Protein backbone atom coordinates (compact mmCIF):
# COMPACT_ATOMS: atom_id res chain seq x y z
CA MET A 1 -88.28 51.08 4.61
CA LYS A 2 -85.95 48.62 6.35
CA LYS A 3 -83.46 46.62 4.27
CA GLU A 4 -83.59 42.83 4.71
CA GLN A 5 -80.49 41.23 6.03
CA ALA A 6 -79.04 38.61 3.82
CA TYR A 7 -78.03 36.46 6.85
CA LYS A 8 -80.12 35.98 9.95
CA PRO A 9 -78.73 33.76 12.75
CA VAL A 10 -80.89 30.87 13.85
CA LEU A 11 -81.09 29.64 17.52
CA MET A 12 -81.21 25.78 17.22
CA TRP A 13 -82.87 24.04 20.17
CA GLU A 14 -82.13 20.46 21.02
CA MET A 15 -84.69 18.46 23.05
CA LEU A 16 -83.33 16.94 26.29
CA ASN A 17 -84.48 13.61 27.71
CA THR A 18 -86.18 14.11 31.07
CA THR A 19 -87.68 11.95 33.75
CA ARG A 20 -89.09 12.44 37.22
CA GLU A 21 -89.09 10.08 40.11
CA GLU A 22 -92.55 11.22 41.13
CA ASP A 23 -95.33 12.95 39.39
CA GLY A 24 -94.90 16.11 41.41
CA LEU A 25 -97.39 18.76 42.22
CA LEU A 26 -98.87 19.12 38.69
CA ASN A 27 -98.60 15.43 37.71
CA SER A 28 -97.18 16.79 34.41
CA LYS A 29 -94.29 15.83 32.19
CA TYR A 30 -91.38 18.36 32.16
CA ILE A 31 -89.91 19.56 28.92
CA ALA A 32 -86.33 20.88 28.57
CA GLU A 33 -84.33 22.08 25.58
CA ARG A 34 -80.82 23.44 25.14
CA ALA A 35 -79.19 25.68 22.57
CA LYS A 36 -75.47 25.91 22.07
CA VAL A 37 -74.34 29.54 22.39
CA PRO A 38 -70.87 31.20 22.78
CA GLY A 39 -69.48 30.23 26.18
CA GLY A 40 -72.06 27.68 27.09
CA TRP A 41 -75.79 26.73 26.69
CA LEU A 42 -79.13 28.41 26.93
CA VAL A 43 -81.46 25.98 28.63
CA ILE A 44 -85.20 26.43 28.61
CA SER A 45 -87.62 24.19 30.72
CA GLN A 46 -91.30 24.22 31.24
CA PHE A 47 -94.20 21.92 32.25
CA ASN A 48 -96.02 20.24 29.40
CA ILE A 49 -99.18 21.85 30.60
CA GLY A 50 -99.54 25.27 32.11
CA GLY A 51 -97.41 28.43 31.80
CA ALA A 52 -94.51 27.86 34.17
CA HIS A 53 -91.16 27.95 32.44
CA GLY A 54 -87.60 29.16 32.95
CA LEU A 55 -84.59 30.12 30.95
CA VAL A 56 -80.96 29.97 32.19
CA PHE A 57 -77.46 30.40 30.82
CA LEU A 58 -75.25 27.48 31.78
CA PRO A 59 -71.48 28.31 31.44
CA ASP A 60 -69.67 25.64 29.67
CA PRO A 61 -66.91 27.06 27.35
CA ASN A 62 -66.01 23.67 25.85
CA HIS A 63 -69.60 22.47 25.44
CA ALA A 64 -68.77 19.34 27.39
CA TRP A 65 -72.14 18.92 28.93
CA ASP A 66 -73.88 15.97 27.28
CA GLY A 67 -77.40 17.10 28.34
CA GLY A 68 -77.83 14.67 31.32
CA SER A 69 -77.62 15.09 34.96
CA LEU A 70 -75.24 13.42 37.38
CA GLN A 71 -76.26 10.03 38.75
């Protein structure tokens, strides 16, 4: 029988504000979240409908990215 660990790390996701200039192919909202990890961010994105999604590591050692895109 496995021993339970007293401490289990938790990955905390933060919802990012998103917008699109056009509705695009699926006419769907896009959802994006980020999690602060050592050396940067994990960013996951997906359409509000359907199964298309992606996960990337964004290097940012000082965690300076505010979650927005450049204008």
